[in-house]
Amino acid sequence: MRKLTLILTLLSIVLFSCAKEKEVIEVIEEKEIELQMIDAYNEAKNYLDNEDFLNAAKKFSEAELLFPQSQWAAKAALMAAYSYYSDQFFTDAIFEIERFLKTYPKHNETDYAYYLLAITYYDQIVDEARDLDSILKSKKFFEIVIKNYPKTDYALDSKFKLELINEFLASKEMYLARYYFEKQKWIPAINRFKSVVKDYNETIFIEEALHRLVEIHYKIGLEDEAKKYAYLLGYNYQSSEWYENTYKVFNKKYISRDKRLKLKNNKKSLVEKIKSKIF
């Protein structure tokens, strides 16, 4: 019995020693991999500093794959996305950002990831008539940044970009609304102008949209509706030229301030001309 106990004790010591040795080996290997990752990350950073964006992206991805459990892995993934974005490889950038958000959902740079995703779509906008998908997606992600990270610098710039995007979208609505207006297709024209009033009332198109709604409703005999929109225009934009145009809808004899001033000046010059002849 004593002999058996001794054997078991010796076996435990051997197993414990093997486990310790294995643990030490794993720690050493982990350290070596982490050092390799740091080297790869620094190499990628050098490529990025020298504006060799494609090689930078590849190296950052390599760094992440070398040691995915490292604190540097998420950073490397995000930097790979930024490198692709910097070289205008927008599809690759979007893929990397979306993968980052899925793989590291609680990372402390998630705010930047959403902002970069919004900017990547935003920078693909060339023509508001053709690039509607990019406009809508950039709007969606800018709104996420503003809502979830309101106190960041990213939110501040997102608000500015969102204003420009709304101008794009409003101009598209106005283009279609004017087309229907010219074709005297009153119902689709009304719907488009109403869309501008409802969804894009902070854009430069709001005044014209209100005036056109006055015009159309007056033309089709809905004077109460016309007056409702005229009141809105007058209350908010009384000094606007569109308000003067609206006033003319109801008062055909109305003469604008500029025209009155011009007539007054012409009259004055005529009086001076006659006066000079008399004296």
Protein backbone atom coordinates (compact mmCIF):
# COMPACT_ATOMS: atom_id res chain seq x y z
CA MET A 1 0.00 0.00 0.00
CA ARG A 2 2.85 2.35 0.90
CA LYS A 3 4.53 1.45 -2.39
CA LEU A 4 1.38 2.29 -4.35
CA THR A 5 1.10 5.65 -2.60
CA LEU A 6 4.70 6.46 -3.50
CA ILE A 7 4.12 5.58 -7.14
CA LEU A 8 1.02 7.78 -7.28
CA THR A 9 2.89 10.64 -5.67
CA LEU A 10 5.75 10.37 -8.17
CA LEU A 11 3.25 10.18 -11.04
CA SER A 12 1.51 13.35 -9.82
CA ILE A 13 4.82 15.15 -9.62
CA VAL A 14 5.72 14.11 -13.16
CA LEU A 15 2.30 15.14 -14.53
CA PHE A 16 2.44 18.47 -12.69
CA SER A 17 5.94 19.09 -14.04
CA CYS A 18 4.79 18.27 -17.58
CA ALA A 19 1.80 20.58 -17.24
CA LYS A 20 3.98 23.38 -15.95
CA GLU A 21 6.47 22.84 -18.73
CA LYS A 22 3.68 22.86 -21.33
CA GLU A 23 2.27 26.05 -19.80
CA VAL A 24 5.67 27.73 -19.95
CA ILE A 25 6.13 26.64 -23.57
CA GLU A 26 2.66 28.01 -24.48
CA VAL A 27 3.44 31.33 -22.78
CA ILE A 28 6.74 31.58 -24.65
CA GLU A 29 5.06 30.73 -27.96
CA GLU A 30 2.32 33.26 -27.23
CA LYS A 31 4.91 35.93 -26.51
CA GLU A 32 6.72 35.10 -29.75
CA ILE A 33 3.46 35.35 -31.76
CA GLU A 34 2.60 38.64 -30.06
CA LEU A 35 6.04 40.00 -30.96
CA GLN A 36 5.53 38.87 -34.56
CA MET A 37 2.16 40.61 -34.56
CA ILE A 38 3.63 43.85 -33.21
CA ASP A 39 6.33 43.69 -35.90
CA ALA A 40 3.67 43.17 -38.58
CA TYR A 41 1.59 46.04 -37.16
CA ASN A 42 4.57 48.41 -37.12
CA GLU A 43 5.46 47.39 -40.68
CA ALA A 44 1.87 48.13 -41.73
CA LYS A 45 2.07 51.51 -39.98
CA ASN A 46 5.22 52.36 -41.95
CA TYR A 47 3.44 51.50 -45.21
CA LEU A 48 0.54 53.71 -44.15
CA ASP A 49 2.84 56.62 -43.25
CA ASN A 50 4.41 56.33 -46.71
CA GLU A 51 0.93 56.25 -48.33
CA ASP A 52 1.41 52.71 -49.60
CA PHE A 53 -2.16 51.97 -48.58
CA LEU A 54 -2.67 48.59 -50.23
CA ASN A 55 0.38 47.00 -48.59
CA ALA A 56 -0.60 48.65 -45.32
CA ALA A 57 -4.05 47.05 -45.48
CA LYS A 58 -2.56 43.61 -46.18
CA LYS A 59 -0.06 43.91 -43.31
CA PHE A 60 -2.70 45.08 -40.84
CA SER A 61 -4.84 42.07 -41.79
CA GLU A 62 -1.81 39.81 -41.34
CA ALA A 63 -1.17 41.28 -37.89
CA GLU A 64 -4.75 40.55 -36.84
CA LEU A 65 -4.58 36.95 -38.07
CA LEU A 66 -1.28 36.30 -36.27
CA PHE A 67 -2.69 36.95 -32.83
CA PRO A 68 -6.51 37.38 -32.96
CA GLN A 69 -6.88 37.31 -29.16
CA SER A 70 -4.49 40.23 -28.69
CA GLN A 71 -5.74 43.71 -27.79
CA TRP A 72 -4.05 44.88 -30.99
CA ALA A 73 -6.11 42.59 -33.26
CA ALA A 74 -9.20 44.82 -33.32
CA LYS A 75 -7.07 47.89 -33.88
CA ALA A 76 -5.31 46.16 -36.79
CA ALA A 77 -8.69 45.22 -38.35
CA LEU A 78 -9.89 48.81 -38.16
CA MET A 79 -6.63 50.14 -39.56
CA ALA A 80 -6.89 47.71 -42.48
CA ALA A 81 -10.33 49.20 -43.26
CA TYR A 82 -8.95 52.72 -43.03
CA SER A 83 -6.07 51.82 -45.37
CA TYR A 84 -8.48 50.48 -48.00
CA TYR A 85 -10.61 53.61 -47.61
CA SER A 86 -7.55 55.85 -48.06
CA ASP A 87 -6.78 54.14 -51.37
CA GLN A 88 -10.45 54.43 -52.44
CA PHE A 89 -10.94 50.67 -52.35
CA PHE A 90 -14.38 51.37 -50.94
CA THR A 91 -15.84 47.87 -51.32
CA ASP A 92 -12.92 46.35 -49.38
CA ALA A 93 -13.14 49.08 -46.76
CA ILE A 94 -16.86 48.43 -46.21
CA PHE A 95 -16.25 44.68 -45.95
CA GLU A 96 -13.53 45.19 -43.31
CA ILE A 97 -15.58 47.67 -41.27
CA GLU A 98 -18.65 45.43 -41.24
CA ARG A 99 -16.45 42.49 -40.20
CA PHE A 100 -14.92 44.61 -37.43
CA LEU A 101 -18.37 45.58 -36.10
CA LYS A 102 -19.45 41.93 -36.12
CA THR A 103 -16.23 40.55 -34.60
CA TYR A 104 -15.59 43.30 -32.02
CA PRO A 105 -19.07 44.71 -31.20
CA LYS A 106 -18.03 46.16 -27.82
CA HIS A 107 -14.72 47.69 -28.85
CA ASN A 108 -14.09 51.24 -27.61
CA GLU A 109 -13.60 52.49 -31.19
CA THR A 110 -16.97 51.34 -32.47
CA ASP A 111 -17.99 55.00 -32.82
CA TYR A 112 -15.15 55.57 -35.27
CA ALA A 113 -16.04 52.37 -37.16
CA TYR A 114 -19.59 53.59 -37.80
CA TYR A 115 -18.32 57.03 -38.77
CA LEU A 116 -15.79 55.51 -41.20
CA LEU A 117 -18.54 53.35 -42.69
CA ALA A 118 -20.74 56.43 -43.20
CA ILE A 119 -17.88 58.41 -44.75
CA THR A 120 -17.00 55.52 -47.07
CA TYR A 121 -20.52 55.55 -48.52
CA TYR A 122 -20.60 59.37 -48.51
CA ASP A 123 -17.40 59.65 -50.56
CA GLN A 124 -18.95 57.51 -53.28
CA ILE A 125 -21.67 60.10 -53.93
CA VAL A 126 -21.05 61.80 -57.27
CA ASP A 127 -24.54 62.50 -58.57
CA GLU A 128 -27.58 62.59 -56.29
CA ALA A 129 -29.74 61.31 -59.16
CA ARG A 130 -27.67 58.16 -59.69
CA ASP A 131 -26.05 57.44 -56.32
CA LEU A 132 -29.20 57.09 -54.22
CA ASP A 133 -28.03 53.85 -52.56
CA SER A 134 -24.81 55.48 -51.30
CA ILE A 135 -26.75 58.54 -50.13
CA LEU A 136 -29.26 56.51 -48.13
CA LYS A 137 -26.66 54.23 -46.55
CA SER A 138 -24.38 57.10 -45.57
CA LYS A 139 -27.41 58.85 -44.05
CA LYS A 140 -28.29 55.72 -42.07
CA PHE A 141 -24.81 55.39 -40.51
CA PHE A 142 -24.40 59.11 -39.84
CA GLU A 143 -27.69 58.94 -37.94
CA ILE A 144 -26.35 55.98 -35.90
CA VAL A 145 -23.27 58.02 -34.96
CA ILE A 146 -25.38 61.04 -33.96
CA LYS A 147 -27.83 58.93 -31.94
CA ASN A 148 -25.40 56.58 -30.16
CA TYR A 149 -22.30 58.77 -29.82
CA PRO A 150 -23.70 62.33 -29.55
CA LYS A 151 -20.79 63.82 -27.59
CA THR A 152 -18.05 62.81 -30.02
CA ASP A 153 -16.37 64.85 -32.74
CA TYR A 154 -17.68 62.22 -35.16
CA ALA A 155 -21.25 63.21 -34.26
CA LEU A 156 -20.49 66.87 -34.91
CA ASP A 157 -19.17 66.18 -38.42
CA SER A 158 -21.97 63.66 -39.02
CA LYS A 159 -24.55 66.40 -38.41
CA PHE A 160 -22.86 68.60 -40.99
CA LYS A 161 -22.69 65.76 -43.54
CA LEU A 162 -26.30 64.87 -42.85
CA GLU A 163 -27.36 68.42 -43.72
CA LEU A 164 -25.64 68.07 -47.10
CA ILE A 165 -27.23 64.67 -47.67
CA ASN A 166 -30.67 66.10 -46.94
CA GLU A 167 -29.96 68.83 -49.50
CA PHE A 168 -29.17 66.08 -52.04
CA LEU A 169 -32.37 64.20 -51.26
CA ALA A 170 -34.49 67.35 -51.25
CA SER A 171 -33.09 68.43 -54.61
CA LYS A 172 -34.07 65.04 -56.04
CA GLU A 173 -37.62 65.45 -54.73
CA MET A 174 -37.80 68.99 -56.11
CA TYR A 175 -36.54 67.86 -59.53
CA LEU A 176 -39.37 65.33 -59.78
CA ALA A 177 -41.93 67.73 -58.30
CA ARG A 178 -41.07 70.45 -60.85
CA TYR A 179 -41.31 67.90 -63.67
CA TYR A 180 -44.84 66.92 -62.59
CA PHE A 181 -45.72 70.60 -62.08
CA GLU A 182 -44.69 71.49 -65.64
CA LYS A 183 -46.68 68.53 -66.98
CA GLN A 184 -49.67 69.70 -64.90
CA LYS A 185 -49.79 66.37 -63.09
CA TRP A 186 -51.03 67.97 -59.91
CA ILE A 187 -51.40 64.99 -57.56
CA PRO A 188 -47.85 63.57 -57.94
CA ALA A 189 -46.51 67.14 -57.87
CA ILE A 190 -48.35 67.83 -54.59
CA ASN A 191 -47.02 64.59 -53.06
CA ARG A 192 -43.43 65.47 -53.96
CA PHE A 193 -43.65 69.04 -52.68
CA LYS A 194 -45.30 67.78 -49.47
CA SER A 195 -42.42 65.34 -49.03
CA VAL A 196 -39.97 68.26 -49.10
CA VAL A 197 -42.06 70.17 -46.53
CA LYS A 198 -42.33 67.15 -44.24
CA ASP A 199 -38.88 65.52 -44.51
CA TYR A 200 -36.54 68.29 -45.64
CA ASN A 201 -37.90 71.44 -44.02
CA GLU A 202 -34.42 72.63 -43.02
CA THR A 203 -33.12 72.69 -46.58
CA ILE A 204 -32.97 75.59 -49.00
CA PHE A 205 -35.93 74.14 -50.95
CA ILE A 206 -38.60 74.55 -48.27
CA GLU A 207 -39.70 78.06 -49.38
CA GLU A 208 -40.22 77.11 -53.01
CA ALA A 209 -42.00 73.88 -52.02
CA LEU A 210 -44.50 75.82 -49.87
CA HIS A 211 -45.10 78.35 -52.64
CA ARG A 212 -45.69 75.62 -55.22
CA LEU A 213 -48.24 73.99 -52.91
CA VAL A 214 -50.05 77.32 -52.71
CA GLU A 215 -49.98 77.65 -56.51
CA ILE A 216 -51.24 74.15 -57.24
CA HIS A 217 -54.04 74.14 -54.66
CA TYR A 218 -55.20 77.56 -55.87
CA LYS A 219 -55.18 76.35 -59.50
CA ILE A 220 -57.33 73.31 -58.71
CA GLY A 221 -59.79 75.33 -56.64
CA LEU A 222 -58.72 74.31 -53.11
CA GLU A 223 -58.29 77.84 -51.78
CA ASP A 224 -58.42 76.89 -48.10
CA GLU A 225 -55.50 74.49 -48.59
CA ALA A 226 -53.66 77.17 -50.58
CA LYS A 227 -54.16 79.66 -47.74
CA LYS A 228 -52.87 77.12 -45.21
CA TYR A 229 -49.55 76.80 -47.03
CA ALA A 230 -49.44 80.55 -47.67
CA TYR A 231 -49.78 81.12 -43.92
CA LEU A 232 -46.90 78.71 -43.22
CA LEU A 233 -44.71 80.46 -45.78
CA GLY A 234 -45.60 83.93 -44.51
CA TYR A 235 -45.15 83.02 -40.85
CA ASN A 236 -41.68 81.53 -41.37
CA TYR A 237 -40.31 83.28 -44.45
CA GLN A 238 -42.11 86.61 -44.84
CA SER A 239 -39.04 88.35 -46.27
CA SER A 240 -38.63 85.67 -48.93
CA GLU A 241 -39.14 86.30 -52.65
CA TRP A 242 -41.28 83.14 -52.65
CA TYR A 243 -43.65 84.78 -50.18
CA GLU A 244 -44.05 87.73 -52.55
CA ASN A 245 -44.83 85.28 -55.36
CA THR A 246 -47.39 83.62 -53.11
CA TYR A 247 -48.98 86.98 -52.30
CA LYS A 248 -49.44 87.54 -56.04
CA VAL A 249 -51.46 84.32 -56.29
CA PHE A 250 -54.19 85.89 -54.14
CA ASN A 251 -53.70 89.52 -55.19
CA LYS A 252 -53.09 89.83 -58.92
CA LYS A 253 -52.57 93.59 -58.62
CA TYR A 254 -49.81 93.21 -56.06
CA ILE A 255 -46.50 94.86 -57.05
CA SER A 256 -43.33 93.56 -55.45
CA ARG A 257 -41.09 95.77 -53.34
CA ASP A 258 -38.30 95.71 -55.95
CA LYS A 259 -40.71 96.61 -58.73
CA ARG A 260 -42.22 99.44 -56.66
CA LEU A 261 -38.74 100.82 -55.99
CA LYS A 262 -37.87 100.57 -59.67
CA LEU A 263 -41.07 102.42 -60.68
CA LYS A 264 -40.39 105.07 -58.05
CA ASN A 265 -36.86 105.62 -59.35
CA ASN A 266 -38.07 105.75 -62.95
CA LYS A 267 -40.73 108.30 -61.97
CA LYS A 268 -38.16 110.34 -60.08
CA SER A 269 -35.73 110.32 -63.01
CA LEU A 270 -38.55 111.37 -65.37
CA VAL A 271 -39.46 114.28 -63.05
CA GLU A 272 -35.82 115.35 -62.92
CA LYS A 273 -35.64 115.15 -66.70
CA ILE A 274 -38.74 117.36 -67.14
CA LYS A 275 -37.50 119.73 -64.42
CA SER A 276 -34.18 120.22 -66.19
CA LYS A 277 -35.97 121.09 -69.42
CA ILE A 278 -38.21 123.64 -67.72
CA PHE A 279 -35.45 125.40 -65.84
